[in-house]
N, C-alpha and C. Protein backbone atom coordinates (compact mmCIF):
# COMPACT_ATOMS: atom_id res chain seq x y z
N MET A 1 65.69 -38.08 13.42
CA MET A 1 66.32 -39.49 13.79
C MET A 1 65.40 -39.94 15.10
N ILE A 2 65.49 -41.19 15.17
CA ILE A 2 64.51 -41.62 16.08
C ILE A 2 65.36 -41.84 17.60
N GLN A 3 65.18 -40.95 18.86
CA GLN A 3 65.95 -41.30 19.72
C GLN A 3 65.90 -42.69 20.57
N GLU A 4 64.77 -43.28 20.64
CA GLU A 4 64.36 -44.33 21.23
C GLU A 4 63.99 -45.50 20.18
N PRO A 5 64.59 -46.23 19.76
CA PRO A 5 64.47 -47.28 18.96
C PRO A 5 63.53 -48.30 19.41
N PRO A 6 62.93 -49.02 18.46
CA PRO A 6 61.96 -50.29 19.21
C PRO A 6 62.69 -51.37 19.61
N LYS A 7 62.33 -51.91 20.66
CA LYS A 7 63.07 -52.97 21.11
C LYS A 7 62.34 -54.66 20.60
N SER A 8 63.14 -55.39 20.60
CA SER A 8 62.58 -56.66 20.00
C SER A 8 62.06 -57.64 21.11
N ASN A 9 61.69 -58.66 21.03
CA ASN A 9 61.10 -59.47 22.13
C ASN A 9 62.11 -60.34 22.59
N ASN A 10 63.30 -60.26 22.34
CA ASN A 10 64.76 -61.04 22.57
C ASN A 10 65.52 -60.21 23.46
N ALA A 11 65.72 -60.84 24.91
CA ALA A 11 66.37 -59.62 25.86
C ALA A 11 67.57 -59.74 25.55
N GLN A 12 68.45 -60.80 24.88
CA GLN A 12 69.56 -60.89 24.68
C GLN A 12 70.19 -59.87 23.53
N ALA A 13 69.33 -59.82 22.32
CA ALA A 13 69.20 -58.97 21.49
C ALA A 13 68.97 -57.42 21.77
N ASN A 14 68.29 -57.19 23.04
CA ASN A 14 68.03 -55.94 22.97
C ASN A 14 69.60 -55.59 24.18
N LYS A 15 70.06 -56.37 24.68
CA LYS A 15 71.50 -56.20 25.23
C LYS A 15 72.36 -55.69 24.46
N TRP A 16 72.58 -56.26 23.33
CA TRP A 16 73.69 -55.95 22.23
C TRP A 16 73.31 -54.71 21.52
N LEU A 17 71.82 -54.55 21.48
CA LEU A 17 71.42 -53.18 20.72
C LEU A 17 71.90 -52.42 21.53
N GLU A 18 71.62 -52.29 23.04
CA GLU A 18 72.06 -51.14 23.76
C GLU A 18 73.74 -50.63 23.71
N ARG A 19 74.48 -51.95 23.81
CA ARG A 19 75.60 -51.72 23.45
C ARG A 19 76.41 -51.05 22.44
N THR A 20 75.58 -51.39 21.35
CA THR A 20 75.86 -51.01 20.17
C THR A 20 75.69 -49.41 20.21
N LEU A 21 74.30 -49.08 20.50
CA LEU A 21 74.10 -47.53 20.09
C LEU A 21 74.97 -46.82 21.53
N GLU A 22 75.36 -47.28 22.62
CA GLU A 22 76.11 -46.56 23.48
C GLU A 22 77.53 -46.18 22.80
N SER A 23 78.18 -47.29 21.96
CA SER A 23 79.35 -46.97 21.46
C SER A 23 79.57 -45.89 20.62
N LYS A 24 80.78 -45.38 20.75
CA LYS A 24 81.17 -44.43 19.93
C LYS A 24 81.65 -44.75 18.37
N HIS A 25 81.67 -45.93 18.18
CA HIS A 25 82.21 -46.93 16.93
C HIS A 25 81.25 -47.60 16.74
N VAL A 26 79.89 -47.18 16.09
CA VAL A 26 78.64 -48.21 15.64
C VAL A 26 79.20 -49.17 14.67
N LEU A 27 79.72 -48.37 13.77
CA LEU A 27 79.88 -49.45 12.31
C LEU A 27 81.00 -50.75 12.85
N TRP A 28 81.92 -50.33 13.78
CA TRP A 28 82.51 -51.70 14.33
C TRP A 28 81.99 -52.48 15.15
N MET A 29 80.93 -51.97 15.86
CA MET A 29 80.27 -52.93 16.92
C MET A 29 79.92 -53.76 16.04
N ILE A 30 78.99 -53.20 14.82
CA ILE A 30 77.71 -53.99 14.24
C ILE A 30 78.69 -55.12 13.45
N PHE A 31 79.97 -54.54 12.71
CA PHE A 31 80.75 -55.59 12.01
C PHE A 31 81.03 -56.68 13.18
N VAL A 32 81.81 -56.41 14.21
CA VAL A 32 81.91 -57.52 15.19
C VAL A 32 81.13 -58.25 15.53
N LEU A 33 79.70 -57.54 16.00
CA LEU A 33 78.41 -58.52 16.15
C LEU A 33 78.16 -59.37 15.12
N SER A 34 78.12 -58.99 13.78
CA SER A 34 77.74 -59.79 12.56
C SER A 34 78.78 -60.68 12.81
N MET A 35 80.02 -60.49 12.78
CA MET A 35 81.01 -61.63 12.67
C MET A 35 80.59 -62.64 13.73
N LEU A 36 80.29 -62.31 15.12
CA LEU A 36 80.11 -63.24 16.34
C LEU A 36 78.76 -63.97 15.92
N GLU A 37 77.71 -63.55 15.38
CA GLU A 37 76.44 -63.89 14.92
C GLU A 37 76.76 -65.06 13.89
N ALA A 38 77.73 -64.86 13.09
CA ALA A 38 77.92 -65.91 11.82
C ALA A 38 78.59 -67.21 12.56
N THR A 39 79.23 -67.01 13.72
CA THR A 39 79.82 -68.17 14.20
C THR A 39 79.57 -68.63 15.70
N ILE A 40 79.31 -67.75 16.34
CA ILE A 40 78.93 -68.44 17.77
C ILE A 40 77.88 -67.80 18.51
N ILE A 41 77.33 -66.43 18.25
CA ILE A 41 75.92 -66.30 18.93
C ILE A 41 74.79 -66.62 18.18
N PRO A 42 74.15 -67.31 19.02
CA PRO A 42 72.87 -68.03 18.19
C PRO A 42 71.69 -67.16 18.25
N ILE A 43 71.94 -66.00 18.10
CA ILE A 43 70.49 -64.78 17.97
C ILE A 43 70.39 -64.16 16.50
N PRO A 44 69.07 -64.08 16.01
CA PRO A 44 69.01 -63.34 14.84
C PRO A 44 69.59 -61.98 14.92
N LEU A 45 70.53 -61.71 14.10
CA LEU A 45 70.94 -60.73 14.03
C LEU A 45 70.13 -59.29 13.56
N GLU A 46 69.09 -59.63 12.88
CA GLU A 46 68.17 -58.57 12.43
C GLU A 46 67.32 -58.02 13.49
N LEU A 47 67.42 -58.44 14.96
CA LEU A 47 66.78 -57.93 15.67
C LEU A 47 67.51 -56.84 16.58
N VAL A 48 68.70 -57.10 16.15
CA VAL A 48 69.59 -55.56 16.84
C VAL A 48 69.84 -54.69 15.30
N LEU A 49 69.76 -55.32 14.18
CA LEU A 49 69.95 -54.47 13.18
C LEU A 49 68.94 -53.60 12.73
N ILE A 50 67.54 -54.24 12.92
CA ILE A 50 66.59 -53.49 12.32
C ILE A 50 66.30 -52.19 13.07
N PRO A 51 66.39 -52.62 14.52
CA PRO A 51 66.55 -51.11 15.46
C PRO A 51 67.30 -50.00 14.91
N LEU A 52 68.83 -50.78 14.87
CA LEU A 52 69.96 -49.58 14.67
C LEU A 52 69.81 -48.95 13.08
N LEU A 53 69.27 -49.41 12.41
CA LEU A 53 68.57 -48.85 11.02
C LEU A 53 67.82 -47.92 11.53
N LEU A 54 67.10 -48.24 12.43
CA LEU A 54 65.87 -47.08 12.55
C LEU A 54 66.39 -46.03 13.18
N HIS A 55 67.38 -46.16 14.03
CA HIS A 55 68.00 -45.18 14.76
C HIS A 55 68.96 -44.37 14.13
N GLU A 56 69.71 -44.89 12.95
CA GLU A 56 70.73 -44.43 12.27
C GLU A 56 70.13 -44.33 10.44
N ARG A 57 69.32 -43.91 10.26
CA ARG A 57 68.93 -44.17 8.76
C ARG A 57 69.72 -43.44 7.86
N GLU A 58 70.35 -42.24 8.29
CA GLU A 58 71.23 -41.63 7.31
C GLU A 58 72.48 -42.50 7.02
N ARG A 59 72.71 -43.53 7.59
CA ARG A 59 73.75 -44.36 7.57
C ARG A 59 73.31 -45.92 7.05
N TRP A 60 72.43 -45.76 6.44
CA TRP A 60 71.83 -47.36 6.40
C TRP A 60 73.01 -48.04 5.35
N PHE A 61 73.32 -47.51 4.43
CA PHE A 61 74.41 -48.24 3.35
C PHE A 61 75.57 -48.64 4.17
N ALA A 62 76.17 -47.70 4.99
CA ALA A 62 77.58 -47.89 5.72
C ALA A 62 77.03 -49.13 6.87
N ILE A 63 75.95 -48.92 7.51
CA ILE A 63 75.69 -50.29 8.43
C ILE A 63 75.44 -51.26 7.92
N ALA A 64 75.04 -51.43 6.66
CA ALA A 64 74.53 -52.87 5.98
C ALA A 64 75.98 -53.33 5.34
N SER A 65 76.82 -52.31 4.75
CA SER A 65 78.12 -52.92 4.49
C SER A 65 78.97 -53.22 5.55
N ALA A 66 78.77 -52.68 6.83
CA ALA A 66 79.86 -53.08 7.74
C ALA A 66 79.32 -54.46 8.41
N THR A 67 78.11 -54.48 8.21
CA THR A 67 77.41 -55.97 8.79
C THR A 67 77.73 -57.05 7.76
N LEU A 68 77.62 -56.96 6.33
CA LEU A 68 78.09 -57.81 5.50
C LEU A 68 79.49 -58.10 5.64
N ALA A 69 80.55 -57.21 5.78
CA ALA A 69 81.83 -57.33 5.87
C ALA A 69 82.07 -58.15 7.06
N GLY A 70 81.51 -58.16 8.62
CA GLY A 70 81.61 -58.92 9.52
C GLY A 70 81.07 -60.24 9.37
N CYS A 71 80.03 -60.57 8.64
CA CYS A 71 79.33 -61.57 8.39
C CYS A 71 80.53 -62.48 7.64
N LEU A 72 80.95 -61.89 6.59
CA LEU A 72 81.99 -62.61 5.65
C LEU A 72 83.44 -62.72 6.18
N VAL A 73 83.64 -62.13 6.92
CA VAL A 73 84.84 -62.49 8.00
C VAL A 73 84.43 -63.66 8.91
N GLY A 74 83.25 -63.66 9.38
CA GLY A 74 82.80 -64.87 10.19
C GLY A 74 83.04 -65.95 9.69
N ALA A 75 82.00 -65.94 8.46
CA ALA A 75 81.89 -66.88 7.60
C ALA A 75 83.21 -67.67 7.15
N SER A 76 84.49 -67.15 6.62
CA SER A 76 85.93 -67.47 6.58
C SER A 76 86.40 -68.16 7.72
N ILE A 77 86.22 -67.80 8.83
CA ILE A 77 86.54 -68.34 10.11
C ILE A 77 85.93 -69.75 10.31
N GLY A 78 84.55 -69.66 10.16
CA GLY A 78 83.68 -71.14 10.25
C GLY A 78 84.26 -71.81 9.48
N TYR A 79 84.21 -71.30 7.85
CA TYR A 79 84.75 -72.37 7.08
C TYR A 79 86.28 -73.17 7.31
N GLY A 80 86.94 -72.19 7.66
CA GLY A 80 88.42 -72.76 8.13
C GLY A 80 88.10 -73.62 9.50
N ILE A 81 87.29 -73.47 10.24
CA ILE A 81 86.79 -74.50 11.44
C ILE A 81 86.37 -75.58 10.69
N GLY A 82 85.56 -75.91 9.91
CA GLY A 82 85.15 -76.85 9.34
C GLY A 82 85.94 -77.69 8.22
N LEU A 83 87.07 -76.95 7.82
CA LEU A 83 87.93 -77.69 6.91
C LEU A 83 89.04 -78.07 7.63
N PHE A 84 89.49 -77.26 8.84
CA PHE A 84 90.69 -78.04 9.74
C PHE A 84 90.47 -78.46 11.07
N LEU A 85 89.45 -78.10 11.63
CA LEU A 85 89.23 -78.67 13.23
C LEU A 85 87.72 -78.89 13.16
N PHE A 86 87.04 -79.59 12.28
CA PHE A 86 85.77 -80.18 12.26
C PHE A 86 85.41 -81.04 13.46
N ASP A 87 86.21 -82.17 13.58
CA ASP A 87 86.48 -83.19 14.47
C ASP A 87 86.34 -82.55 15.86
N THR A 88 86.80 -81.46 15.91
CA THR A 88 87.04 -80.89 17.47
C THR A 88 86.18 -79.79 17.70
N ALA A 89 86.70 -78.57 17.06
CA ALA A 89 85.89 -77.39 17.33
C ALA A 89 84.58 -77.23 16.52
N GLY A 90 84.33 -77.83 15.44
CA GLY A 90 83.07 -77.91 14.65
C GLY A 90 82.21 -78.71 15.27
N GLN A 91 82.45 -80.01 15.73
CA GLN A 91 81.71 -80.70 16.53
C GLN A 91 81.22 -80.08 17.78
N TRP A 92 81.87 -79.36 18.59
CA TRP A 92 81.75 -78.74 19.57
C TRP A 92 80.73 -77.75 19.54
N LEU A 93 80.87 -76.83 18.42
CA LEU A 93 79.93 -75.71 17.78
C LEU A 93 78.62 -76.19 17.82
N LEU A 94 78.39 -77.30 16.78
CA LEU A 94 77.02 -77.99 16.66
C LEU A 94 76.38 -78.37 17.96
N GLU A 95 77.25 -79.26 18.58
CA GLU A 95 76.64 -79.65 19.93
C GLU A 95 76.21 -78.69 20.83
N THR A 96 77.04 -77.56 20.91
CA THR A 96 76.66 -76.52 21.84
C THR A 96 75.26 -75.61 21.26
N MET A 97 75.29 -75.56 20.23
CA MET A 97 74.12 -74.96 19.81
C MET A 97 73.24 -75.74 19.33
N ASN A 98 73.06 -76.95 19.33
CA ASN A 98 72.03 -78.04 19.19
C ASN A 98 71.51 -77.93 17.59
N TYR A 99 72.75 -78.08 16.62
CA TYR A 99 72.69 -78.09 15.34
C TYR A 99 72.95 -79.09 14.74
N GLN A 100 73.05 -80.30 15.36
CA GLN A 100 73.50 -81.52 14.84
C GLN A 100 72.64 -82.02 13.82
N ASP A 101 71.37 -82.10 14.13
CA ASP A 101 70.16 -82.77 13.23
C ASP A 101 70.32 -81.66 12.04
N ALA A 102 70.18 -80.60 12.17
CA ALA A 102 70.19 -79.50 10.84
C ALA A 102 71.52 -79.50 10.13
N PHE A 103 72.83 -79.89 10.66
CA PHE A 103 73.72 -80.11 9.95
C PHE A 103 73.70 -81.40 9.09
N ASN A 104 73.28 -82.55 9.80
CA ASN A 104 73.04 -83.71 8.81
C ASN A 104 72.16 -83.26 7.85
N GLU A 105 70.78 -83.19 7.88
CA GLU A 105 69.81 -82.59 6.74
C GLU A 105 70.60 -82.01 6.09
N PHE A 106 71.04 -80.71 6.33
CA PHE A 106 71.70 -79.68 5.42
C PHE A 106 72.79 -80.55 4.28
N LYS A 107 73.75 -81.30 5.14
CA LYS A 107 74.51 -81.70 4.52
C LYS A 107 74.24 -82.82 3.29
N ALA A 108 72.96 -83.58 3.44
CA ALA A 108 72.57 -84.41 2.22
C ALA A 108 72.29 -83.25 1.05
N GLU A 109 71.34 -82.33 1.35
CA GLU A 109 70.87 -81.25 0.51
C GLU A 109 72.17 -80.57 -0.30
N PHE A 110 73.27 -80.37 0.43
CA PHE A 110 74.53 -79.96 -0.02
C PHE A 110 75.16 -80.36 -1.08
N ASN A 111 75.29 -81.79 -0.70
CA ASN A 111 75.80 -82.56 -1.84
C ASN A 111 75.30 -82.66 -2.97
N ALA A 112 74.00 -82.67 -2.98
CA ALA A 112 73.27 -82.57 -4.38
C ALA A 112 73.34 -81.16 -5.14
N ASP A 113 73.30 -80.00 -4.41
CA ASP A 113 73.68 -78.80 -5.17
C ASP A 113 74.14 -77.79 -4.09
N GLY A 114 75.59 -77.62 -4.29
CA GLY A 114 76.22 -77.06 -2.84
C GLY A 114 75.81 -75.44 -2.95
N PHE A 115 76.10 -74.93 -4.42
CA PHE A 115 75.97 -73.43 -4.37
C PHE A 115 74.61 -72.93 -4.04
N VAL A 116 73.57 -73.42 -4.41
CA VAL A 116 72.23 -72.93 -4.25
C VAL A 116 71.75 -73.25 -3.00
N THR A 117 72.29 -74.41 -2.43
CA THR A 117 71.98 -74.70 -0.87
C THR A 117 72.75 -73.94 0.00
N LEU A 118 73.98 -73.19 -0.62
CA LEU A 118 74.37 -72.08 0.33
C LEU A 118 73.77 -70.86 0.31
N LEU A 119 73.28 -70.30 -1.00
CA LEU A 119 72.49 -69.28 -1.19
C LEU A 119 71.03 -69.58 -0.10
N LEU A 120 70.36 -70.84 -0.14
CA LEU A 120 69.52 -70.91 0.77
C LEU A 120 69.85 -70.69 2.10
N VAL A 121 70.75 -71.46 2.54
CA VAL A 121 71.22 -71.07 4.18
C VAL A 121 71.84 -69.30 4.45
N GLY A 122 72.08 -68.81 3.23
CA GLY A 122 72.60 -67.54 3.67
C GLY A 122 71.47 -66.58 3.50
N ILE A 123 70.33 -66.90 3.34
CA ILE A 123 69.28 -65.70 2.97
C ILE A 123 68.21 -66.29 3.92
N THR A 124 67.74 -67.43 4.32
CA THR A 124 66.85 -68.10 4.96
C THR A 124 67.21 -68.10 6.46
N PRO A 125 66.42 -68.11 7.43
CA PRO A 125 66.69 -68.48 8.71
C PRO A 125 67.38 -69.67 9.29
N ILE A 126 67.64 -70.49 8.42
CA ILE A 126 68.45 -71.75 8.36
C ILE A 126 69.80 -71.24 9.25
N PRO A 127 70.05 -71.79 10.35
CA PRO A 127 71.68 -71.39 11.06
C PRO A 127 72.76 -71.12 9.75
N PHE A 128 73.48 -70.39 10.05
CA PHE A 128 74.65 -70.19 8.79
C PHE A 128 75.59 -70.83 9.25
N GLN A 129 75.97 -71.18 10.54
CA GLN A 129 76.91 -71.88 11.05
C GLN A 129 76.97 -73.44 10.42
N VAL A 130 75.92 -73.77 10.02
CA VAL A 130 75.64 -75.12 9.42
C VAL A 130 76.11 -75.03 7.99
N GLY A 131 75.75 -74.08 7.23
CA GLY A 131 76.20 -74.00 6.03
C GLY A 131 77.66 -74.05 5.88
N MET A 132 78.41 -72.89 6.77
CA MET A 132 79.90 -72.91 6.69
C MET A 132 80.69 -74.04 7.25
N LEU A 133 80.29 -74.53 8.23
CA LEU A 133 80.90 -75.86 8.70
C LEU A 133 80.90 -77.12 7.73
N THR A 134 79.81 -77.18 6.82
CA THR A 134 79.50 -78.07 5.74
C THR A 134 80.59 -78.02 4.60
N ALA A 135 80.47 -76.49 4.19
CA ALA A 135 81.20 -76.39 3.35
C ALA A 135 82.96 -76.55 3.51
N GLY A 136 83.10 -76.25 4.95
CA GLY A 136 84.64 -76.37 4.63
C GLY A 136 84.91 -77.75 4.99
N SER A 137 83.81 -78.62 5.95
CA SER A 137 84.26 -80.08 6.16
C SER A 137 84.10 -80.74 5.16
N THR A 138 83.26 -80.44 3.99
CA THR A 138 83.33 -81.39 2.84
C THR A 138 84.80 -80.75 1.59
N GLY A 139 85.24 -79.60 1.95
CA GLY A 139 86.30 -79.40 1.17
C GLY A 139 85.56 -78.40 -0.21
N TYR A 140 84.55 -77.74 0.06
CA TYR A 140 83.74 -76.99 -1.09
C TYR A 140 84.83 -76.13 -1.26
N PRO A 141 84.95 -75.61 -2.69
CA PRO A 141 85.80 -74.50 -3.13
C PRO A 141 85.69 -73.19 -2.11
N PHE A 142 86.76 -72.47 -1.60
CA PHE A 142 86.54 -71.63 -0.58
C PHE A 142 85.91 -70.44 -1.42
N LEU A 143 86.58 -69.85 -2.65
CA LEU A 143 86.10 -68.76 -3.20
C LEU A 143 84.35 -68.93 -3.73
N LEU A 144 84.19 -70.16 -3.97
CA LEU A 144 82.97 -70.43 -4.41
C LEU A 144 81.66 -70.05 -3.17
N PHE A 145 82.26 -70.76 -2.05
CA PHE A 145 81.85 -70.32 -0.64
C PHE A 145 81.56 -68.94 -0.45
N MET A 146 82.36 -68.24 -0.80
CA MET A 146 82.27 -66.76 -0.17
C MET A 146 81.53 -66.01 -1.09
N PHE A 147 81.75 -66.45 -2.55
CA PHE A 147 80.68 -65.67 -3.26
C PHE A 147 79.34 -66.14 -3.02
N ALA A 148 79.03 -67.21 -2.82
CA ALA A 148 77.63 -67.31 -2.24
C ALA A 148 77.39 -66.85 -1.09
N ALA A 149 77.94 -66.68 -0.12
CA ALA A 149 77.85 -65.66 1.19
C ALA A 149 77.68 -64.25 0.65
N LEU A 150 78.33 -63.72 -0.18
CA LEU A 150 78.23 -62.23 -0.51
C LEU A 150 76.83 -62.14 -1.15
N ILE A 151 76.37 -62.96 -2.33
CA ILE A 151 75.42 -62.72 -2.39
C ILE A 151 74.12 -63.07 -1.65
N ALA A 152 74.23 -63.91 -0.96
CA ALA A 152 73.03 -64.34 0.04
C ALA A 152 72.81 -63.29 1.14
N ARG A 153 73.93 -62.81 1.70
CA ARG A 153 74.10 -62.18 2.78
C ARG A 153 74.00 -60.66 2.33
N GLY A 154 74.21 -60.19 1.26
CA GLY A 154 74.26 -58.85 0.72
C GLY A 154 72.90 -58.88 0.03
N ILE A 155 71.94 -59.84 -0.01
CA ILE A 155 70.70 -59.63 -0.78
C ILE A 155 69.94 -59.35 0.47
N ARG A 156 70.36 -60.06 1.76
CA ARG A 156 69.62 -59.95 2.78
C ARG A 156 69.86 -58.75 3.93
N TYR A 157 71.28 -58.06 4.08
CA TYR A 157 71.30 -57.03 4.62
C TYR A 157 70.75 -55.85 3.69
N TYR A 158 71.28 -55.39 2.60
CA TYR A 158 71.19 -54.38 1.94
C TYR A 158 69.48 -54.31 1.57
N GLY A 159 69.03 -55.56 1.30
CA GLY A 159 67.42 -55.85 1.19
C GLY A 159 66.64 -55.10 2.55
N LEU A 160 67.20 -55.77 3.78
CA LEU A 160 66.45 -55.16 4.86
C LEU A 160 66.66 -53.72 5.15
N ALA A 161 67.83 -53.14 4.82
CA ALA A 161 68.02 -51.76 5.03
C ALA A 161 67.06 -50.99 4.08
N VAL A 162 66.67 -51.50 2.98
CA VAL A 162 65.91 -50.57 2.29
C VAL A 162 64.35 -50.96 2.75
N LEU A 163 64.01 -51.83 3.41
CA LEU A 163 62.57 -52.34 3.68
C LEU A 163 62.20 -51.42 5.13
N VAL A 164 63.52 -51.02 6.10
CA VAL A 164 63.42 -50.43 6.99
C VAL A 164 63.22 -49.05 6.62
N ASN A 165 63.79 -48.39 5.69
CA ASN A 165 63.85 -47.05 5.08
C ASN A 165 62.09 -46.92 4.70
N TRP A 166 61.63 -47.78 4.06
CA TRP A 166 60.28 -48.03 3.39
C TRP A 166 59.43 -48.06 4.62
N LEU A 167 59.57 -49.01 5.37
CA LEU A 167 58.31 -49.15 6.14
C LEU A 167 58.59 -48.90 7.81
N GLY A 168 59.69 -48.17 8.13
CA GLY A 168 59.96 -47.63 9.23
C GLY A 168 59.58 -48.53 10.23
N GLU A 169 59.29 -48.36 11.72
CA GLU A 169 59.02 -49.05 12.82
C GLU A 169 58.52 -50.44 12.34
N ARG A 170 57.23 -50.32 11.92
CA ARG A 170 56.19 -51.71 11.45
C ARG A 170 57.26 -52.67 11.18
N ILE A 171 58.50 -52.35 10.74
CA ILE A 171 59.39 -53.78 9.96
C ILE A 171 59.40 -54.30 11.06
N LEU A 172 60.09 -54.30 12.44
CA LEU A 172 60.55 -54.99 13.54
C LEU A 172 59.55 -56.16 13.87
N ALA A 173 58.04 -55.43 13.99
CA ALA A 173 57.40 -56.45 14.57
C ALA A 173 56.84 -57.35 13.40
N TRP A 174 56.56 -56.88 12.31
CA TRP A 174 56.70 -57.69 10.92
C TRP A 174 57.51 -58.74 10.77
N TRP A 175 58.73 -58.42 11.11
CA TRP A 175 59.80 -59.34 10.58
C TRP A 175 59.69 -60.43 11.73
N GLN A 176 59.69 -60.20 12.74
CA GLN A 176 59.66 -61.10 13.91
C GLN A 176 58.34 -62.23 13.93
N LYS A 177 57.45 -61.77 13.02
CA LYS A 177 56.33 -62.62 12.60
C LYS A 177 56.45 -63.36 11.36
N GLN A 178 57.11 -62.66 10.38
CA GLN A 178 57.30 -63.20 9.04
C GLN A 178 58.40 -63.79 8.49
N GLN A 179 59.47 -63.56 9.40
CA GLN A 179 60.80 -63.71 8.97
C GLN A 179 60.86 -65.09 8.16
N LYS A 180 60.57 -66.40 8.37
CA LYS A 180 60.83 -67.52 7.49
C LYS A 180 60.11 -67.15 6.04
N ARG A 181 58.67 -66.68 5.99
CA ARG A 181 58.16 -66.38 4.83
C ARG A 181 58.90 -65.34 3.71
N LEU A 182 59.37 -64.31 4.74
CA LEU A 182 60.36 -63.29 4.06
C LEU A 182 61.54 -63.92 3.47
N GLY A 183 62.37 -64.69 4.15
CA GLY A 183 63.61 -65.43 3.68
C GLY A 183 63.31 -66.42 2.64
N TRP A 184 62.26 -66.97 2.64
CA TRP A 184 62.22 -67.72 1.31
C TRP A 184 61.73 -66.77 0.35
N SER A 185 60.98 -65.46 0.69
CA SER A 185 60.71 -64.76 -0.84
C SER A 185 62.08 -64.42 -1.29
N VAL A 186 63.03 -63.64 -0.22
CA VAL A 186 64.04 -63.33 -0.99
C VAL A 186 65.11 -64.31 -1.41
N LEU A 187 64.88 -65.56 -0.96
CA LEU A 187 65.86 -66.60 -1.57
C LEU A 187 65.13 -66.69 -3.10
N VAL A 188 63.97 -66.67 -3.47
CA VAL A 188 63.32 -66.96 -4.82
C VAL A 188 64.05 -65.64 -5.71
N ALA A 189 64.20 -64.17 -5.23
CA ALA A 189 64.55 -63.44 -5.75
C ALA A 189 66.27 -63.62 -6.10
N GLY A 190 66.57 -64.23 -5.12
CA GLY A 190 68.02 -64.04 -5.08
C GLY A 190 68.76 -65.06 -6.21
N ILE A 191 67.79 -66.40 -6.26
CA ILE A 191 68.20 -67.14 -6.93
C ILE A 191 67.87 -66.81 -8.81
N ALA A 192 66.77 -65.94 -8.53
CA ALA A 192 66.46 -65.39 -10.00
C ALA A 192 67.49 -64.45 -10.37
N VAL A 193 68.07 -63.67 -9.71
CA VAL A 193 69.09 -62.72 -10.02
C VAL A 193 70.57 -63.46 -10.34
N TYR A 194 70.55 -64.58 -9.60
CA TYR A 194 71.99 -65.57 -10.12
C TYR A 194 71.84 -66.06 -11.20
N LEU A 195 70.66 -66.54 -11.63
CA LEU A 195 70.41 -67.39 -12.92
C LEU A 195 70.56 -66.33 -14.14
N ILE A 196 70.15 -65.11 -13.96
CA ILE A 196 70.34 -63.91 -14.96
C ILE A 196 71.78 -63.62 -15.24
N VAL A 197 72.41 -63.57 -13.94
CA VAL A 197 73.96 -63.31 -14.10
C VAL A 197 74.56 -64.24 -15.01
N ILE A 198 74.34 -65.44 -14.72
CA ILE A 198 75.05 -66.80 -15.21
C ILE A 198 74.53 -66.94 -16.50
N PHE A 199 73.57 -66.71 -16.97
CA PHE A 199 72.92 -67.31 -18.43
C PHE A 199 72.40 -66.23 -19.46
N VAL A 200 72.16 -64.86 -18.99
CA VAL A 200 72.08 -63.85 -19.83
C VAL A 200 73.37 -62.91 -19.89
């Protein structure tokens, strides 16, 4: 087991990592952090998740599962904000995180192909808050939204856990440099899996 996991170049992410590692309830901490990252914390969760997976390799599946569960809870909260409170809390969230332009661009794409667009926002570094607020504010079916989030974030977190086990400490520096390219690659794989499930 790695005693001193590598740190990212993000000070806020490193603080969250220290809090998580110091906790006796690591799975609950990553669950809560994932839920907050999906709603109000504007930091890439991978900057905490990768060092945590390196430090707790034997629990990679449990950590990925707790992360996914927290994300889905956060996604349902965000969907509810978009559905019921978009003109107040939803607008505040977009303005606070400076996501208004991203929201407008995403909404136009979402109207063309909602499910695939949700897969896109769930896998790539596009802010997830944009996707959940759009889905809620447009009245997109909740179960389809959660299904897309489950597929996209499941691929992202379990895939990342496998990569950490394969590549070790190199993955953190590599991810910080290649996160966008990695996101698009995983998106292609995710859409391929989705099409196989639907049409085969």
